[in-house]
C-alpha cells in the first residue's frame, strides 16, 4: 500500500504534509545545505547561495528557525555578529538533500531534454 489516500500522511492538516510544503519551498533545501558545514553569517550565506535576495534569505531563515530546523545566535559584540546553524533536527535533512542533489546531477539533462520534446498525451488524461 502506498500510504496515499483518505486518511493518508498528506492530508491538509497532517504534520507530514506541512513538513513537505516547508521543504518544497524554492530556497529551503539550498539554505539548509548552505548551513551543513557549520555556523554561517547572513552575508556568507548570500555569497554561498547566489541568486537569493537578502530579504528572501531573511524570510527563509526565520521560517526555518520557527520550524525548529535552524538556530540563530546573536553575539554581544560591536559590531553585532549573528550566525545561523542547523539544529539537530535540521541536520537530519542533509542526507536526503544530498540524495536529491545527486539525482538532479544525474538526471538534470534528461529533465531539460524533456522540456524540448513535444509533449505526449497522458493516457486517460483529459487536460
PDB file of N, CA and C in Angstrom:
ATOM      1  N   UNK A   1       0.854  -1.179   0.000  1.00  0.00           N
ATOM      2  CA  UNK A   1       0.000   0.000   0.000  1.00  0.00           C
ATOM      3  C   UNK A   1       0.894   1.234   0.000  1.00  0.00           C
ATOM      4  N   UNK A   2       0.540   2.221  -0.798  1.00  0.00           N
ATOM      5  CA  UNK A   2       1.381   3.395  -0.969  1.00  0.00           C
ATOM      6  C   UNK A   2       1.284   4.387   0.178  1.00  0.00           C
ATOM      7  N   UNK A   3       0.240   4.332   0.969  1.00  0.00           N
ATOM      8  CA  UNK A   3       0.076   5.308   2.032  1.00  0.00           C
ATOM      9  C   UNK A   3      -0.685   6.535   1.580  1.00  0.00           C
ATOM     10  N   UNK A   4      -0.975   6.626   0.292  1.00  0.00           N
ATOM     11  CA  UNK A   4      -1.746   7.752  -0.217  1.00  0.00           C
ATOM     12  C   UNK A   4      -3.214   7.366  -0.234  1.00  0.00           C
ATOM     13  N   UNK A   5      -4.055   8.309   0.029  1.00  0.00           N
ATOM     14  CA  UNK A   5      -5.486   8.068   0.018  1.00  0.00           C
ATOM     15  C   UNK A   5      -6.119   8.687   1.241  1.00  0.00           C
ATOM     16  N   UNK A   6      -7.413   8.445   1.419  1.00  0.00           N
ATOM     17  CA  UNK A   6      -8.097   9.019   2.575  1.00  0.00           C
ATOM     18  C   UNK A   6      -7.411   8.616   3.874  1.00  0.00           C
ATOM     19  N   UNK A   7      -7.157   9.620   4.710  1.00  0.00           N
ATOM     20  CA  UNK A   7      -6.509   9.360   5.989  1.00  0.00           C
ATOM     21  C   UNK A   7      -5.012   9.176   5.886  1.00  0.00           C
ATOM     22  N   UNK A   8      -4.452   9.380   4.698  1.00  0.00           N
ATOM     23  CA  UNK A   8      -3.017   9.194   4.486  1.00  0.00           C
ATOM     24  C   UNK A   8      -2.194  10.315   5.090  1.00  0.00           C
ATOM     25  N   UNK A   9      -0.869  10.225   4.929  1.00  0.00           N
ATOM     26  CA  UNK A   9       0.040  11.179   5.580  1.00  0.00           C
ATOM     27  C   UNK A   9       0.048  12.574   4.958  1.00  0.00           C
ATOM     28  N   UNK A  10      -0.643  12.758   3.842  1.00  0.00           N
ATOM     29  CA  UNK A  10      -0.580  14.062   3.188  1.00  0.00           C
ATOM     30  C   UNK A  10      -1.902  14.806   3.211  1.00  0.00           C
ATOM     31  N   UNK A  11      -2.717  14.564   4.236  1.00  0.00           N
ATOM     32  CA  UNK A  11      -3.924  15.356   4.434  1.00  0.00           C
ATOM     33  C   UNK A  11      -3.534  16.805   4.691  1.00  0.00           C
ATOM     34  N   UNK A  12      -4.434  17.727   4.427  1.00  0.00           N
ATOM     35  CA  UNK A  12      -4.135  19.158   4.514  1.00  0.00           C
ATOM     36  C   UNK A  12      -3.560  19.573   5.864  1.00  0.00           C
ATOM     37  N   UNK A  13      -4.027  18.983   6.948  1.00  0.00           N
ATOM     38  CA  UNK A  13      -3.555  19.404   8.266  1.00  0.00           C
ATOM     39  C   UNK A  13      -2.595  18.394   8.903  1.00  0.00           C
ATOM     40  N   UNK A  14      -2.085  17.473   8.112  1.00  0.00           N
ATOM     41  CA  UNK A  14      -1.181  16.444   8.613  1.00  0.00           C
ATOM     42  C   UNK A  14       0.236  17.010   8.755  1.00  0.00           C
ATOM     43  N   UNK A  15       0.939  16.688   9.843  1.00  0.00           N
ATOM     44  CA  UNK A  15       2.310  17.168  10.010  1.00  0.00           C
ATOM     45  C   UNK A  15       3.234  16.793   8.847  1.00  0.00           C
ATOM     46  N   UNK A  16       3.060  15.608   8.275  1.00  0.00           N
ATOM     47  CA  UNK A  16       3.912  15.199   7.155  1.00  0.00           C
ATOM     48  C   UNK A  16       3.716  16.125   5.957  1.00  0.00           C
ATOM     49  N   UNK A  17       2.490  16.491   5.691  1.00  0.00           N
ATOM     50  CA  UNK A  17       2.232  17.396   4.558  1.00  0.00           C
ATOM     51  C   UNK A  17       2.796  18.785   4.835  1.00  0.00           C
ATOM     52  N   UNK A  18       2.643  19.262   6.051  1.00  0.00           N
ATOM     53  CA  UNK A  18       3.199  20.569   6.395  1.00  0.00           C
ATOM     54  C   UNK A  18       4.719  20.569   6.252  1.00  0.00           C
ATOM     55  N   UNK A  19       5.366  19.465   6.635  1.00  0.00           N
ATOM     56  CA  UNK A  19       6.815  19.364   6.501  1.00  0.00           C
ATOM     57  C   UNK A  19       7.213  19.350   5.029  1.00  0.00           C
ATOM     58  N   UNK A  20       6.490  18.608   4.204  1.00  0.00           N
ATOM     59  CA  UNK A  20       6.793  18.565   2.771  1.00  0.00           C
ATOM     60  C   UNK A  20       6.601  19.944   2.143  1.00  0.00           C
ATOM     61  N   UNK A  21       5.546  20.651   2.529  1.00  0.00           N
ATOM     62  CA  UNK A  21       5.325  22.001   2.000  1.00  0.00           C
ATOM     63  C   UNK A  21       6.467  22.937   2.389  1.00  0.00           C
ATOM     64  N   UNK A  22       6.975  22.807   3.600  1.00  0.00           N
ATOM     65  CA  UNK A  22       8.119  23.619   4.026  1.00  0.00           C
ATOM     66  C   UNK A  22       9.336  23.301   3.161  1.00  0.00           C
ATOM     67  N   UNK A  23       9.589  22.024   2.933  1.00  0.00           N
ATOM     68  CA  UNK A  23      10.753  21.609   2.163  1.00  0.00           C
ATOM     69  C   UNK A  23      10.610  21.894   0.679  1.00  0.00           C
ATOM     70  N   UNK A  24       9.395  22.025   0.197  1.00  0.00           N
ATOM     71  CA  UNK A  24       9.161  22.274  -1.229  1.00  0.00           C
ATOM     72  C   UNK A  24       9.419  23.724  -1.612  1.00  0.00           C
ATOM     73  N   UNK A  25       9.603  24.596  -0.656  1.00  0.00           N
ATOM     74  CA  UNK A  25       9.904  25.989  -0.946  1.00  0.00           C
ATOM     75  C   UNK A  25      11.185  26.077  -1.771  1.00  0.00           C
ATOM     76  N   UNK A  26      11.228  27.038  -2.677  1.00  0.00           N
ATOM     77  CA  UNK A  26      12.355  27.194  -3.603  1.00  0.00           C
ATOM     78  C   UNK A  26      13.708  27.265  -2.899  1.00  0.00           C
ATOM     79  N   UNK A  27      13.795  27.931  -1.763  1.00  0.00           N
ATOM     80  CA  UNK A  27      15.087  28.202  -1.137  1.00  0.00           C
ATOM     81  C   UNK A  27      15.413  27.307   0.048  1.00  0.00           C
ATOM     82  N   UNK A  28      14.463  26.550   0.569  1.00  0.00           N
ATOM     83  CA  UNK A  28      14.684  25.784   1.792  1.00  0.00           C
ATOM     84  C   UNK A  28      15.869  24.827   1.694  1.00  0.00           C
ATOM     85  N   UNK A  29      15.875  23.964   0.694  1.00  0.00           N
ATOM     86  CA  UNK A  29      16.943  22.968   0.589  1.00  0.00           C
ATOM     87  C   UNK A  29      18.299  23.633   0.384  1.00  0.00           C
ATOM     88  N   UNK A  30      18.327  24.702  -0.405  1.00  0.00           N
ATOM     89  CA  UNK A  30      19.588  25.392  -0.675  1.00  0.00           C
ATOM     90  C   UNK A  30      20.135  26.032   0.599  1.00  0.00           C
ATOM     91  N   UNK A  31      19.264  26.668   1.373  1.00  0.00           N
ATOM     92  CA  UNK A  31      19.704  27.313   2.613  1.00  0.00           C
ATOM     93  C   UNK A  31      20.151  26.253   3.624  1.00  0.00           C
ATOM     94  N   UNK A  32      19.389  25.195   3.765  1.00  0.00           N
ATOM     95  CA  UNK A  32      19.788  24.138   4.696  1.00  0.00           C
ATOM     96  C   UNK A  32      21.137  23.552   4.301  1.00  0.00           C
ATOM     97  N   UNK A  33      21.330  23.298   3.026  1.00  0.00           N
ATOM     98  CA  UNK A  33      22.605  22.748   2.583  1.00  0.00           C
ATOM     99  C   UNK A  33      23.739  23.748   2.815  1.00  0.00           C
ATOM    100  N   UNK A  34      23.443  25.031   2.633  1.00  0.00           N
ATOM    101  CA  UNK A  34      24.433  26.068   2.897  1.00  0.00           C
ATOM    102  C   UNK A  34      24.884  26.104   4.349  1.00  0.00           C
ATOM    103  N   UNK A  35      24.035  25.650   5.236  1.00  0.00           N
ATOM    104  CA  UNK A  35      24.352  25.612   6.666  1.00  0.00           C
ATOM    105  C   UNK A  35      24.963  24.275   7.097  1.00  0.00           C
ATOM    106  N   UNK A  36      25.112  23.349   6.167  1.00  0.00           N
ATOM    107  CA  UNK A  36      25.507  21.986   6.530  1.00  0.00           C
ATOM    108  C   UNK A  36      26.951  21.848   7.009  1.00  0.00           C
ATOM    109  N   UNK A  37      27.802  22.816   6.727  1.00  0.00           N
ATOM    110  CA  UNK A  37      29.210  22.715   7.142  1.00  0.00           C
ATOM    111  C   UNK A  37      29.477  23.399   8.480  1.00  0.00           C
ATOM    112  N   UNK A  38      28.439  24.019   9.067  1.00  0.00           N
ATOM    113  CA  UNK A  38      28.611  24.682  10.352  1.00  0.00           C
ATOM    114  C   UNK A  38      28.037  26.077  10.333  1.00  0.00           C
ATOM    115  N   UNK A  39      28.199  26.804  11.447  1.00  0.00           N
ATOM    116  CA  UNK A  39      27.620  28.139  11.562  1.00  0.00           C
ATOM    117  C   UNK A  39      28.100  29.074  10.449  1.00  0.00           C
ATOM    118  N   UNK A  40      27.151  29.875   9.938  1.00  0.00           N
ATOM    119  CA  UNK A  40      27.431  30.794   8.838  1.00  0.00           C
ATOM    120  C   UNK A  40      26.716  32.105   9.108  1.00  0.00           C
ATOM    121  N   UNK A  41      27.362  33.193   8.726  1.00  0.00           N
ATOM    122  CA  UNK A  41      26.747  34.514   8.840  1.00  0.00           C
ATOM    123  C   UNK A  41      25.856  34.766   7.630  1.00  0.00           C
ATOM    124  N   UNK A  42      24.915  35.692   7.793  1.00  0.00           N
ATOM    125  CA  UNK A  42      23.941  36.026   6.756  1.00  0.00           C
ATOM    126  C   UNK A  42      24.627  36.373   5.439  1.00  0.00           C
ATOM    127  N   UNK A  43      25.597  37.276   5.472  1.00  0.00           N
ATOM    128  CA  UNK A  43      26.297  37.695   4.258  1.00  0.00           C
ATOM    129  C   UNK A  43      27.050  36.558   3.588  1.00  0.00           C
ATOM    130  N   UNK A  44      27.606  35.660   4.402  1.00  0.00           N
ATOM    131  CA  UNK A  44      28.304  34.497   3.848  1.00  0.00           C
ATOM    132  C   UNK A  44      27.334  33.577   3.123  1.00  0.00           C
ATOM    133  N   UNK A  45      26.125  33.434   3.680  1.00  0.00           N
ATOM    134  CA  UNK A  45      25.105  32.616   3.016  1.00  0.00           C
ATOM    135  C   UNK A  45      24.688  33.231   1.681  1.00  0.00           C
ATOM    136  N   UNK A  46      24.549  34.555   1.647  1.00  0.00           N
ATOM    137  CA  UNK A  46      24.209  35.244   0.398  1.00  0.00           C
ATOM    138  C   UNK A  46      25.242  34.897  -0.672  1.00  0.00           C
ATOM    139  N   UNK A  47      26.526  35.009  -0.318  1.00  0.00           N
ATOM    140  CA  UNK A  47      27.601  34.722  -1.267  1.00  0.00           C
ATOM    141  C   UNK A  47      27.630  33.248  -1.656  1.00  0.00           C
ATOM    142  N   UNK A  48      27.407  32.379  -0.692  1.00  0.00           N
ATOM    143  CA  UNK A  48      27.456  30.944  -0.924  1.00  0.00           C
ATOM    144  C   UNK A  48      26.334  30.487  -1.849  1.00  0.00           C
ATOM    145  N   UNK A  49      25.135  30.992  -1.606  1.00  0.00           N
ATOM    146  CA  UNK A  49      23.965  30.555  -2.362  1.00  0.00           C
ATOM    147  C   UNK A  49      23.902  31.217  -3.727  1.00  0.00           C
ATOM    148  N   UNK A  50      24.035  32.532  -3.757  1.00  0.00           N
ATOM    149  CA  UNK A  50      23.919  33.257  -5.022  1.00  0.00           C
ATOM    150  C   UNK A  50      22.479  33.261  -5.523  1.00  0.00           C
ATOM    151  N   UNK A  51      22.045  34.397  -6.026  1.00  0.00           N
ATOM    152  CA  UNK A  51      20.709  34.488  -6.608  1.00  0.00           C
ATOM    153  C   UNK A  51      19.581  34.707  -5.624  1.00  0.00           C
ATOM    154  N   UNK A  52      19.868  34.729  -4.357  1.00  0.00           N
ATOM    155  CA  UNK A  52      18.832  34.961  -3.350  1.00  0.00           C
ATOM    156  C   UNK A  52      19.012  36.380  -2.798  1.00  0.00           C
ATOM    157  N   UNK A  53      17.903  37.083  -2.649  1.00  0.00           N
ATOM    158  CA  UNK A  53      17.977  38.433  -2.088  1.00  0.00           C
ATOM    159  C   UNK A  53      18.154  38.347  -0.576  1.00  0.00           C
ATOM    160  N   UNK A  54      18.642  39.428   0.008  1.00  0.00           N
ATOM    161  CA  UNK A  54      18.794  39.477   1.467  1.00  0.00           C
ATOM    162  C   UNK A  54      17.446  39.274   2.153  1.00  0.00           C
ATOM    163  N   UNK A  55      16.427  39.926   1.603  1.00  0.00           N
ATOM    164  CA  UNK A  55      15.087  39.823   2.185  1.00  0.00           C
ATOM    165  C   UNK A  55      14.582  38.375   2.141  1.00  0.00           C
ATOM    166  N   UNK A  56      14.751  37.704   1.005  1.00  0.00           N
ATOM    167  CA  UNK A  56      14.274  36.325   0.873  1.00  0.00           C
ATOM    168  C   UNK A  56      15.059  35.392   1.790  1.00  0.00           C
ATOM    169  N   UNK A  57      16.362  35.616   1.909  1.00  0.00           N
ATOM    170  CA  UNK A  57      17.153  34.790   2.815  1.00  0.00           C
ATOM    171  C   UNK A  57      16.691  34.984   4.248  1.00  0.00           C
ATOM    172  N   UNK A  58      16.449  36.225   4.642  1.00  0.00           N
ATOM    173  CA  UNK A  58      15.969  36.502   5.996  1.00  0.00           C
ATOM    174  C   UNK A  58      14.633  35.813   6.241  1.00  0.00           C
ATOM    175  N   UNK A  59      13.713  35.894   5.296  1.00  0.00           N
ATOM    176  CA  UNK A  59      12.406  35.251   5.444  1.00  0.00           C
ATOM    177  C   UNK A  59      12.555  33.734   5.550  1.00  0.00           C
ATOM    178  N   UNK A  60      13.413  33.171   4.715  1.00  0.00           N
ATOM    179  CA  UNK A  60      13.622  31.722   4.733  1.00  0.00           C
ATOM    180  C   UNK A  60      14.239  31.279   6.050  1.00  0.00           C
ATOM    181  N   UNK A  61      15.255  32.000   6.521  1.00  0.00           N
ATOM    182  CA  UNK A  61      15.880  31.659   7.799  1.00  0.00           C
ATOM    183  C   UNK A  61      14.891  31.761   8.949  1.00  0.00           C
ATOM    184  N   UNK A  62      14.060  32.785   8.946  1.00  0.00           N
ATOM    185  CA  UNK A  62      13.056  32.931  10.017  1.00  0.00           C
ATOM    186  C   UNK A  62      12.066  31.785   9.998  1.00  0.00           C
ATOM    187  N   UNK A  63      11.629  31.390   8.811  1.00  0.00           N
ATOM    188  CA  UNK A  63      10.671  30.279   8.709  1.00  0.00           C
ATOM    189  C   UNK A  63      11.318  28.979   9.180  1.00  0.00           C
ATOM    190  N   UNK A  64      12.563  28.745   8.768  1.00  0.00           N
ATOM    191  CA  UNK A  64      13.260  27.524   9.192  1.00  0.00           C
ATOM    192  C   UNK A  64      13.532  27.528  10.691  1.00  0.00           C
ATOM    193  N   UNK A  65      13.810  28.693  11.231  1.00  0.00           N
ATOM    194  CA  UNK A  65      14.006  28.821  12.679  1.00  0.00           C
ATOM    195  C   UNK A  65      12.692  28.531  13.412  1.00  0.00           C
ATOM    196  N   UNK A  66      11.591  29.083  12.926  1.00  0.00           N
ATOM    197  CA  UNK A  66      10.283  28.867  13.558  1.00  0.00           C
ATOM    198  C   UNK A  66       9.890  27.391  13.546  1.00  0.00           C
ATOM    199  N   UNK A  67      10.352  26.663  12.541  1.00  0.00           N
ATOM    200  CA  UNK A  67      10.026  25.240  12.422  1.00  0.00           C
ATOM    201  C   UNK A  67      11.074  24.333  13.074  1.00  0.00           C
ATOM    202  N   UNK A  68      12.035  24.928  13.767  1.00  0.00           N
ATOM    203  CA  UNK A  68      12.985  24.136  14.532  1.00  0.00           C
ATOM    204  C   UNK A  68      14.127  23.533  13.738  1.00  0.00           C
ATOM    205  N   UNK A  69      14.371  24.026  12.508  1.00  0.00           N
ATOM    206  CA  UNK A  69      15.428  23.460  11.683  1.00  0.00           C
ATOM    207  C   UNK A  69      16.727  24.264  11.734  1.00  0.00           C
ATOM    208  N   UNK A  70      16.618  25.535  12.112  1.00  0.00           N
ATOM    209  CA  UNK A  70      17.768  26.435  12.137  1.00  0.00           C
ATOM    210  C   UNK A  70      17.792  27.168  13.475  1.00  0.00           C
ATOM    211  N   UNK A  71      19.006  27.396  13.971  1.00  0.00           N
ATOM    212  CA  UNK A  71      19.204  28.161  15.200  1.00  0.00           C
ATOM    213  C   UNK A  71      19.940  29.451  14.845  1.00  0.00           C
ATOM    214  N   UNK A  72      19.487  30.545  15.421  1.00  0.00           N
ATOM    215  CA  UNK A  72      20.106  31.859  15.235  1.00  0.00           C
ATOM    216  C   UNK A  72      20.833  32.217  16.520  1.00  0.00           C
ATOM    217  N   UNK A  73      22.095  32.632  16.378  1.00  0.00           N
ATOM    218  CA  UNK A  73      22.867  33.025  17.561  1.00  0.00           C
ATOM    219  C   UNK A  73      23.414  34.431  17.351  1.00  0.00           C
ATOM    220  N   UNK A  74      22.958  35.363  18.191  1.00  0.00           N
ATOM    221  CA  UNK A  74      23.442  36.746  18.143  1.00  0.00           C
ATOM    222  C   UNK A  74      24.487  36.923  19.233  1.00  0.00           C
ATOM    223  N   UNK A  75      25.670  37.354  18.835  1.00  0.00           N
ATOM    224  CA  UNK A  75      26.757  37.572  19.774  1.00  0.00           C
ATOM    225  C   UNK A  75      26.713  39.006  20.290  1.00  0.00           C
ATOM    226  N   UNK A  76      27.022  39.187  21.562  1.00  0.00           N
ATOM    227  CA  UNK A  76      27.041  40.519  22.178  1.00  0.00           C
ATOM    228  C   UNK A  76      28.387  41.169  21.879  1.00  0.00           C
ATOM    229  N   UNK A  77      28.540  41.615  20.639  1.00  0.00           N
ATOM    230  CA  UNK A  77      29.785  42.223  20.184  1.00  0.00           C
ATOM    231  C   UNK A  77      29.468  43.519  19.443  1.00  0.00           C
ATOM    232  N   UNK A  78      30.498  44.325  19.268  1.00  0.00           N
ATOM    233  CA  UNK A  78      30.386  45.521  18.444  1.00  0.00           C
ATOM    234  C   UNK A  78      31.468  45.407  17.377  1.00  0.00           C
ATOM    235  N   UNK A  79      31.106  45.394  16.095  1.00  0.00           N
ATOM    236  CA  UNK A  79      29.750  45.412  15.564  1.00  0.00           C
ATOM    237  C   UNK A  79      29.043  44.079  15.842  1.00  0.00           C
ATOM    238  N   UNK A  80      27.709  44.100  15.801  1.00  0.00           N
ATOM    239  CA  UNK A  80      26.952  42.881  16.093  1.00  0.00           C
ATOM    240  C   UNK A  80      27.297  41.762  15.109  1.00  0.00           C
ATOM    241  N   UNK A  81      27.281  40.550  15.614  1.00  0.00           N
ATOM    242  CA  UNK A  81      27.545  39.380  14.770  1.00  0.00           C
ATOM    243  C   UNK A  81      26.448  38.359  15.021  1.00  0.00           C
ATOM    244  N   UNK A  82      25.847  37.878  13.936  1.00  0.00           N
ATOM    245  CA  UNK A  82      24.799  36.870  14.021  1.00  0.00           C
ATOM    246  C   UNK A  82      25.201  35.702  13.137  1.00  0.00           C
ATOM    247  N   UNK A  83      25.079  34.497  13.679  1.00  0.00           N
ATOM    248  CA  UNK A  83      25.353  33.288  12.906  1.00  0.00           C
ATOM    249  C   UNK A  83      24.139  32.375  12.939  1.00  0.00           C
ATOM    250  N   UNK A  84      24.017  31.600  11.886  1.00  0.00           N
ATOM    251  CA  UNK A  84      22.938  30.628  11.771  1.00  0.00           C
ATOM    252  C   UNK A  84      23.564  29.250  11.639  1.00  0.00           C
ATOM    253  N   UNK A  85      22.903  28.271  12.250  1.00  0.00           N
ATOM    254  CA  UNK A  85      23.369  26.896  12.143  1.00  0.00           C
ATOM    255  C   UNK A  85      22.186  25.956  12.186  1.00  0.00           C
ATOM    256  N   UNK A  86      22.404  24.748  11.717  1.00  0.00           N
ATOM    257  CA  UNK A  86      21.362  23.739  11.751  1.00  0.00           C
ATOM    258  C   UNK A  86      21.150  23.254  13.180  1.00  0.00           C
ATOM    259  N   UNK A  87      19.913  22.983  13.511  1.00  0.00           N
ATOM    260  CA  UNK A  87      19.613  22.280  14.749  1.00  0.00           C
ATOM    261  C   UNK A  87      19.830  20.788  14.477  1.00  0.00           C
ATOM    262  N   UNK A  88      19.820  19.961  15.502  1.00  0.00           N
ATOM    263  CA  UNK A  88      19.905  18.514  15.245  1.00  0.00           C
ATOM    264  C   UNK A  88      18.787  18.039  14.299  1.00  0.00           C
ATOM    265  N   UNK A  89      17.591  18.596  14.424  1.00  0.00           N
ATOM    266  CA  UNK A  89      16.505  18.233  13.518  1.00  0.00           C
ATOM    267  C   UNK A  89      16.826  18.657  12.093  1.00  0.00           C
ATOM    268  N   UNK A  90      17.323  19.868  11.916  1.00  0.00           N
ATOM    269  CA  UNK A  90      17.689  20.342  10.589  1.00  0.00           C
ATOM    270  C   UNK A  90      18.787  19.493   9.962  1.00  0.00           C
ATOM    271  N   UNK A  91      19.725  19.047  10.773  1.00  0.00           N
ATOM    272  CA  UNK A  91      20.831  18.225  10.272  1.00  0.00           C
ATOM    273  C   UNK A  91      20.339  16.900   9.702  1.00  0.00           C
ATOM    274  N   UNK A  92      19.193  16.410  10.169  1.00  0.00           N
ATOM    275  CA  UNK A  92      18.661  15.146   9.639  1.00  0.00           C
ATOM    276  C   UNK A  92      18.233  15.270   8.185  1.00  0.00           C
ATOM    277  N   UNK A  93      18.118  16.484   7.679  1.00  0.00           N
ATOM    278  CA  UNK A  93      17.699  16.686   6.289  1.00  0.00           C
ATOM    279  C   UNK A  93      18.863  16.716   5.303  1.00  0.00           C
ATOM    280  N   UNK A  94      20.086  16.787   5.772  1.00  0.00           N
ATOM    281  CA  UNK A  94      21.224  16.940   4.866  1.00  0.00           C
ATOM    282  C   UNK A  94      21.398  15.710   3.973  1.00  0.00           C
ATOM    283  N   UNK A  95      21.286  14.515   4.510  1.00  0.00           N
ATOM    284  CA  UNK A  95      21.420  13.325   3.659  1.00  0.00           C
ATOM    285  C   UNK A  95      20.324  13.262   2.589  1.00  0.00           C
ATOM    286  N   UNK A  96      19.052  13.468   2.929  1.00  0.00           N
ATOM    287  CA  UNK A  96      18.035  13.483   1.858  1.00  0.00           C
ATOM    288  C   UNK A  96      18.267  14.589   0.821  1.00  0.00           C
ATOM    289  N   UNK A  97      18.719  15.765   1.263  1.00  0.00           N
ATOM    290  CA  UNK A  97      19.004  16.848   0.322  1.00  0.00           C
ATOM    291  C   UNK A  97      20.167  16.442  -0.583  1.00  0.00           C
ATOM    292  N   UNK A  98      21.174  15.802  -0.018  1.00  0.00           N
ATOM    293  CA  UNK A  98      22.309  15.330  -0.817  1.00  0.00           C
ATOM    294  C   UNK A  98      21.833  14.311  -1.856  1.00  0.00           C
ATOM    295  N   UNK A  99      20.945  13.405  -1.464  1.00  0.00           N
ATOM    296  CA  UNK A  99      20.413  12.409  -2.403  1.00  0.00           C
ATOM    297  C   UNK A  99      19.656  13.086  -3.543  1.00  0.00           C
ATOM    298  N   UNK A 100      18.857  14.089  -3.225  1.00  0.00           N
ATOM    299  CA  UNK A 100      18.137  14.826  -4.272  1.00  0.00           C
ATOM    300  C   UNK A 100      19.109  15.567  -5.184  1.00  0.00           C
ATOM    301  N   UNK A 101      20.164  16.107  -4.613  1.00  0.00           N
ATOM    302  CA  UNK A 101      21.171  16.806  -5.409  1.00  0.00           C
ATOM    303  C   UNK A 101      21.848  15.843  -6.379  1.00  0.00           C
ATOM    304  N   UNK A 102      22.193  14.664  -5.900  1.00  0.00           N
ATOM    305  CA  UNK A 102      22.813  13.660  -6.770  1.00  0.00           C
ATOM    306  C   UNK A 102      21.852  13.223  -7.867  1.00  0.00           C
ATOM    307  N   UNK A 103      20.579  13.056  -7.530  1.00  0.00           N
ATOM    308  CA  UNK A 103      19.582  12.708  -8.549  1.00  0.00           C
ATOM    309  C   UNK A 103      19.512  13.813  -9.596  1.00  0.00           C
ATOM    310  N   UNK A 104      19.507  15.074  -9.152  1.00  0.00           N
ATOM    311  CA  UNK A 104      19.435  16.201 -10.083  1.00  0.00           C
ATOM    312  C   UNK A 104      20.662  16.237 -10.995  1.00  0.00           C
ATOM    313  N   UNK A 105      21.836  15.959 -10.452  1.00  0.00           N
ATOM    314  CA  UNK A 105      23.048  15.921 -11.283  1.00  0.00           C
ATOM    315  C   UNK A 105      22.960  14.810 -12.330  1.00  0.00           C
ATOM    316  N   UNK A 106      22.480  13.659 -11.913  1.00  0.00           N
ATOM    317  CA  UNK A 106      22.403  12.512 -12.809  1.00  0.00           C
ATOM    318  C   UNK A 106      21.301  12.657 -13.859  1.00  0.00           C
ATOM    319  N   UNK A 107      20.243  13.371 -13.517  1.00  0.00           N
ATOM    320  CA  UNK A 107      19.071  13.416 -14.395  1.00  0.00           C
ATOM    321  C   UNK A 107      18.720  14.800 -14.927  1.00  0.00           C
ATOM    322  N   UNK A 108      19.495  15.801 -14.565  1.00  0.00           N
ATOM    323  CA  UNK A 108      19.191  17.168 -14.984  1.00  0.00           C
ATOM    324  C   UNK A 108      19.094  17.327 -16.484  1.00  0.00           C
ATOM    325  N   UNK A 109      20.017  16.726 -17.225  1.00  0.00           N
ATOM    326  CA  UNK A 109      19.983  16.827 -18.688  1.00  0.00           C
ATOM    327  C   UNK A 109      18.717  16.185 -19.249  1.00  0.00           C
ATOM    328  N   UNK A 110      18.317  15.047 -18.701  1.00  0.00           N
ATOM    329  CA  UNK A 110      17.103  14.373 -19.172  1.00  0.00           C
ATOM    330  C   UNK A 110      15.869  15.232 -18.911  1.00  0.00           C
ATOM    331  N   UNK A 111      15.853  15.913 -17.788  1.00  0.00           N
ATOM    332  CA  UNK A 111      14.731  16.801 -17.475  1.00  0.00           C
ATOM    333  C   UNK A 111      14.687  17.949 -18.473  1.00  0.00           C
ATOM    334  N   UNK A 112      15.849  18.542 -18.766  1.00  0.00           N
ATOM    335  CA  UNK A 112      15.894  19.626 -19.749  1.00  0.00           C
ATOM    336  C   UNK A 112      15.538  19.130 -21.144  1.00  0.00           C
ATOM    337  N   UNK A 113      16.002  17.940 -21.505  1.00  0.00           N
ATOM    338  CA  UNK A 113      15.658  17.367 -22.807  1.00  0.00           C
ATOM    339  C   UNK A 113      14.151  17.169 -22.937  1.00  0.00           C
ATOM    340  N   UNK A 114      13.513  16.761 -21.849  1.00  0.00           N
ATOM    341  CA  UNK A 114      12.057  16.549 -21.880  1.00  0.00           C
ATOM    342  C   UNK A 114      11.320  17.854 -22.155  1.00  0.00           C
ATOM    343  N   UNK A 115      11.875  18.972 -21.699  1.00  0.00           N
ATOM    344  CA  UNK A 115      11.254  20.259 -21.978  1.00  0.00           C
ATOM    345  C   UNK A 115      11.283  20.584 -23.465  1.00  0.00           C
ATOM    346  N   UNK A 116      12.330  20.113 -24.141  1.00  0.00           N
ATOM    347  CA  UNK A 116      12.474  20.370 -25.574  1.00  0.00           C
ATOM    348  C   UNK A 116      11.604  19.454 -26.424  1.00  0.00           C
ATOM    349  N   UNK A 117      11.244  18.289 -25.893  1.00  0.00           N
ATOM    350  CA  UNK A 117      10.412  17.347 -26.635  1.00  0.00           C
ATOM    351  C   UNK A 117       8.978  17.841 -26.696  1.00  0.00           C
ATOM    352  N   UNK A 118       8.298  17.436 -27.768  1.00  0.00           N
ATOM    353  CA  UNK A 118       6.876  17.777 -27.875  1.00  0.00           C
ATOM    354  C   UNK A 118       6.117  16.960 -26.838  1.00  0.00           C
ATOM    355  N   UNK A 119       5.235  17.611 -26.106  1.00  0.00           N
ATOM    356  CA  UNK A 119       4.511  16.878 -25.060  1.00  0.00           C
ATOM    357  C   UNK A 119       3.659  15.747 -25.657  1.00  0.00           C
ATOM    358  N   UNK A 120       3.710  14.621 -24.969  1.00  0.00           N
ATOM    359  CA  UNK A 120       2.897  13.484 -25.379  1.00  0.00           C
ATOM    360  C   UNK A 120       1.655  13.443 -24.492  1.00  0.00           C
ATOM    361  N   UNK A 121       0.508  13.094 -25.084  1.00  0.00           N
ATOM    362  CA  UNK A 121      -0.696  12.991 -24.252  1.00  0.00           C
ATOM    363  C   UNK A 121      -0.542  11.881 -23.221  1.00  0.00           C
ATOM    364  N   UNK A 122      -1.031  12.122 -22.040  1.00  0.00           N
ATOM    365  CA  UNK A 122      -1.006  11.138 -20.973  1.00  0.00           C
ATOM    366  C   UNK A 122      -2.237  10.268 -21.127  1.00  0.00           C
ATOM    367  N   UNK A 123      -2.055   8.948 -21.095  1.00  0.00           N
ATOM    368  CA  UNK A 123      -3.171   8.024 -21.268  1.00  0.00           C
ATOM    369  C   UNK A 123      -4.246   8.264 -20.239  1.00  0.00           C
ATOM    370  N   UNK A 124      -5.444   8.411 -20.694  1.00  0.00           N
ATOM    371  CA  UNK A 124      -6.577   8.598 -19.795  1.00  0.00           C
ATOM    372  C   UNK A 124      -6.693   9.992 -19.230  1.00  0.00           C
ATOM    373  N   UNK A 125      -5.805  10.905 -19.611  1.00  0.00           N
ATOM    374  CA  UNK A 125      -5.841  12.274 -19.082  1.00  0.00           C
ATOM    375  C   UNK A 125      -6.585  13.170 -20.068  1.00  0.00           C
ATOM    376  N   UNK A 126      -7.497  13.928 -19.533  1.00  0.00           N
ATOM    377  CA  UNK A 126      -8.234  14.896 -20.348  1.00  0.00           C
ATOM    378  C   UNK A 126      -7.893  16.261 -19.833  1.00  0.00           C
ATOM    379  N   UNK A 127      -6.886  16.896 -20.434  1.00  0.00           N
ATOM    380  CA  UNK A 127      -6.409  18.159 -19.930  1.00  0.00           C
ATOM    381  C   UNK A 127      -6.990  19.288 -20.617  1.00  0.00           C
TER     382      UNK A 127
END
